[in-house]
Amino acid sequence: MKATIWHNPKCGTSRKTLAILEETPGVEVEVVEYLKTPPSAAKLAQLYRDAGISPQQGLRLRGTDAAERGLPDADDAAVLAAMEAEPILIERPLVETEKGTRLCRPQEKVHEIL
């Protein structure tokens, strides 16, 4: 099974999720450091749709100015555009497999799609 993780190596939850993926037999892991290679707004929309959450639920509030900018109450297009322009606004880690997509907070959520 292939698993793609949208990863930030400075994030403990992201590192722990990556470790789970790497330790699971039969999982081929693709790591995308989203701060270096930001996903498009269209890709983010697809990830959130597949995860069953809204872009606002995928918005990183801690350590960002998202709340001050009114992004939690903005429409989907505005949130996705802000995330594409400033990927630090993307909550991590997102993991995508053939069984689904999850925002893995806490990291154990990754087991739902393995």
C-alpha atoms as a PDB file:
ATOM      1  CA  MET A   1       0.000   0.000   0.000  1.00  0.00           C
ATOM      2  CA  LYS A   2       1.201   3.487  -0.818  1.00  0.00           C
ATOM      3  CA  ALA A   3       0.839   6.226   1.805  1.00  0.00           C
ATOM      4  CA  THR A   4       1.551   9.896   1.184  1.00  0.00           C
ATOM      5  CA  ILE A   5       2.209  12.045   4.244  1.00  0.00           C
ATOM      6  CA  TRP A   6       2.093  15.838   4.044  1.00  0.00           C
ATOM      7  CA  HIS A   7       4.814  16.271   6.637  1.00  0.00           C
ATOM      8  CA  ASN A   8       6.584  18.899   8.720  1.00  0.00           C
ATOM      9  CA  PRO A   9       9.746  17.377  10.231  1.00  0.00           C
ATOM     10  CA  LYS A  10       9.717  19.974  13.037  1.00  0.00           C
ATOM     11  CA  CYS A  11       6.319  18.726  14.285  1.00  0.00           C
ATOM     12  CA  GLY A  12       6.320  15.933  16.855  1.00  0.00           C
ATOM     13  CA  THR A  13       2.901  14.612  15.820  1.00  0.00           C
ATOM     14  CA  SER A  14       4.009  14.556  12.194  1.00  0.00           C
ATOM     15  CA  ARG A  15       7.219  12.692  13.092  1.00  0.00           C
ATOM     16  CA  LYS A  16       5.286  10.149  15.178  1.00  0.00           C
ATOM     17  CA  THR A  17       2.794   9.596  12.346  1.00  0.00           C
ATOM     18  CA  LEU A  18       5.651   9.091   9.881  1.00  0.00           C
ATOM     19  CA  ALA A  19       7.212   6.544  12.257  1.00  0.00           C
ATOM     20  CA  ILE A  20       3.941   4.587  12.378  1.00  0.00           C
ATOM     21  CA  LEU A  21       3.840   4.524   8.582  1.00  0.00           C
ATOM     22  CA  GLU A  22       7.473   3.452   8.294  1.00  0.00           C
ATOM     23  CA  GLU A  23       7.008   0.686  10.889  1.00  0.00           C
ATOM     24  CA  THR A  24       3.900  -0.764   9.230  1.00  0.00           C
ATOM     25  CA  PRO A  25       4.766  -3.742   7.022  1.00  0.00           C
ATOM     26  CA  GLY A  26       3.777  -3.373   3.377  1.00  0.00           C
ATOM     27  CA  VAL A  27       3.452   0.417   3.440  1.00  0.00           C
ATOM     28  CA  GLU A  28       5.433   2.374   0.854  1.00  0.00           C
ATOM     29  CA  VAL A  29       5.751   5.915   2.210  1.00  0.00           C
ATOM     30  CA  GLU A  30       5.991   9.064   0.126  1.00  0.00           C
ATOM     31  CA  VAL A  31       6.979  12.060   2.235  1.00  0.00           C
ATOM     32  CA  VAL A  32       5.985  15.518   1.019  1.00  0.00           C
ATOM     33  CA  GLU A  33       7.453  18.328   3.089  1.00  0.00           C
ATOM     34  CA  TYR A  34       4.574  20.682   2.437  1.00  0.00           C
ATOM     35  CA  LEU A  35       6.432  23.788   3.625  1.00  0.00           C
ATOM     36  CA  LYS A  36       8.980  23.202   0.820  1.00  0.00           C
ATOM     37  CA  THR A  37       6.504  21.801  -1.727  1.00  0.00           C
ATOM     38  CA  PRO A  38       3.102  23.329  -0.961  1.00  0.00           C
ATOM     39  CA  PRO A  39       0.017  21.563  -2.277  1.00  0.00           C
ATOM     40  CA  SER A  40      -2.284  23.487  -4.604  1.00  0.00           C
ATOM     41  CA  ALA A  41      -5.632  24.768  -3.397  1.00  0.00           C
ATOM     42  CA  ALA A  42      -7.259  22.081  -5.576  1.00  0.00           C
ATOM     43  CA  LYS A  43      -5.173  19.317  -3.961  1.00  0.00           C
ATOM     44  CA  LEU A  44      -5.992  20.622  -0.482  1.00  0.00           C
ATOM     45  CA  ALA A  45      -9.697  20.732  -1.351  1.00  0.00           C
ATOM     46  CA  GLN A  46      -9.492  17.092  -2.498  1.00  0.00           C
ATOM     47  CA  LEU A  47      -7.604  16.011   0.652  1.00  0.00           C
ATOM     48  CA  TYR A  48     -10.125  17.675   2.967  1.00  0.00           C
ATOM     49  CA  ARG A  49     -13.092  16.342   0.980  1.00  0.00           C
ATOM     50  CA  ASP A  50     -11.621  12.819   1.137  1.00  0.00           C
ATOM     51  CA  ALA A  51     -10.970  13.222   4.887  1.00  0.00           C
ATOM     52  CA  GLY A  52     -14.550  14.374   5.456  1.00  0.00           C
ATOM     53  CA  ILE A  53     -13.527  17.705   6.956  1.00  0.00           C
ATOM     54  CA  SER A  54     -13.809  21.329   5.884  1.00  0.00           C
ATOM     55  CA  PRO A  55     -10.819  23.475   4.974  1.00  0.00           C
ATOM     56  CA  GLN A  56     -11.500  25.419   8.168  1.00  0.00           C
ATOM     57  CA  GLN A  57     -11.058  22.196  10.180  1.00  0.00           C
ATOM     58  CA  GLY A  58      -7.707  21.708   8.439  1.00  0.00           C
ATOM     59  CA  LEU A  59      -6.538  25.203   9.339  1.00  0.00           C
ATOM     60  CA  ARG A  60      -3.611  25.526  11.721  1.00  0.00           C
ATOM     61  CA  LEU A  61      -4.427  28.113  14.374  1.00  0.00           C
ATOM     62  CA  ARG A  62      -1.572  27.570  16.825  1.00  0.00           C
ATOM     63  CA  GLY A  63       1.495  29.599  15.917  1.00  0.00           C
ATOM     64  CA  THR A  64      -0.205  31.392  13.021  1.00  0.00           C
ATOM     65  CA  ASP A  65      -2.183  34.568  12.475  1.00  0.00           C
ATOM     66  CA  ALA A  66      -5.147  32.648  11.010  1.00  0.00           C
ATOM     67  CA  ALA A  67      -7.580  33.736  13.735  1.00  0.00           C
ATOM     68  CA  GLU A  68      -6.549  37.386  13.509  1.00  0.00           C
ATOM     69  CA  ARG A  69      -7.129  37.237   9.762  1.00  0.00           C
ATOM     70  CA  GLY A  70     -10.623  35.834  10.250  1.00  0.00           C
ATOM     71  CA  LEU A  71      -9.804  32.615   8.399  1.00  0.00           C
ATOM     72  CA  PRO A  72     -11.756  30.283  10.715  1.00  0.00           C
ATOM     73  CA  ASP A  73     -14.922  32.095   9.577  1.00  0.00           C
ATOM     74  CA  ALA A  74     -13.902  32.626   5.943  1.00  0.00           C
ATOM     75  CA  ASP A  75     -15.338  30.654   3.043  1.00  0.00           C
ATOM     76  CA  ASP A  76     -13.598  27.576   1.706  1.00  0.00           C
ATOM     77  CA  ALA A  77     -12.032  29.342  -1.271  1.00  0.00           C
ATOM     78  CA  ALA A  78     -10.449  32.035   0.925  1.00  0.00           C
ATOM     79  CA  VAL A  79      -9.067  29.457   3.374  1.00  0.00           C
ATOM     80  CA  LEU A  80      -7.656  27.281   0.592  1.00  0.00           C
ATOM     81  CA  ALA A  81      -6.090  30.295  -1.149  1.00  0.00           C
ATOM     82  CA  ALA A  82      -4.462  31.393   2.116  1.00  0.00           C
ATOM     83  CA  MET A  83      -3.116  27.867   2.724  1.00  0.00           C
ATOM     84  CA  GLU A  84      -1.721  27.656  -0.799  1.00  0.00           C
ATOM     85  CA  ALA A  85       0.002  31.043  -0.402  1.00  0.00           C
ATOM     86  CA  GLU A  86       1.206  30.344   3.157  1.00  0.00           C
ATOM     87  CA  PRO A  87       1.481  26.598   3.791  1.00  0.00           C
ATOM     88  CA  ILE A  88       2.281  27.186   7.483  1.00  0.00           C
ATOM     89  CA  LEU A  89      -1.522  27.571   7.770  1.00  0.00           C
ATOM     90  CA  ILE A  90      -2.019  23.865   6.943  1.00  0.00           C
ATOM     91  CA  GLU A  91      -2.574  21.685  10.001  1.00  0.00           C
ATOM     92  CA  ARG A  92      -0.430  18.583   9.877  1.00  0.00           C
ATOM     93  CA  PRO A  93       0.046  15.803   9.198  1.00  0.00           C
ATOM     94  CA  LEU A  94      -2.323  14.812   6.423  1.00  0.00           C
ATOM     95  CA  VAL A  95      -2.004  11.207   5.257  1.00  0.00           C
ATOM     96  CA  GLU A  96      -3.523   9.789   2.092  1.00  0.00           C
ATOM     97  CA  THR A  97      -3.805   6.069   1.257  1.00  0.00           C
ATOM     98  CA  GLU A  98      -6.048   4.002  -1.000  1.00  0.00           C
ATOM     99  CA  LYS A  99      -8.293   3.492   2.054  1.00  0.00           C
ATOM    100  CA  GLY A 100      -8.817   7.201   2.647  1.00  0.00           C
ATOM    101  CA  THR A 101      -7.351  10.429   3.952  1.00  0.00           C
ATOM    102  CA  ARG A 102      -6.982  11.618   7.535  1.00  0.00           C
ATOM    103  CA  LEU A 103      -5.719  14.635   9.398  1.00  0.00           C
ATOM    104  CA  CYS A 104      -3.697  12.592  11.882  1.00  0.00           C
ATOM    105  CA  ARG A 105      -4.141  14.515  15.098  1.00  0.00           C
ATOM    106  CA  PRO A 106      -3.630  12.500  17.207  1.00  0.00           C
ATOM    107  CA  GLN A 107      -1.194  10.360  15.257  1.00  0.00           C
ATOM    108  CA  GLU A 108      -3.140   7.165  16.002  1.00  0.00           C
ATOM    109  CA  LYS A 109      -5.803   8.292  13.495  1.00  0.00           C
ATOM    110  CA  VAL A 110      -3.477   7.027  10.765  1.00  0.00           C
ATOM    111  CA  HIS A 111      -4.443   3.448  11.716  1.00  0.00           C
ATOM    112  CA  GLU A 112      -7.957   4.148  10.354  1.00  0.00           C
ATOM    113  CA  ILE A 113      -6.556   4.183   6.797  1.00  0.00           C
ATOM    114  CA  LEU A 114      -3.931   1.453   6.983  1.00  0.00           C
END
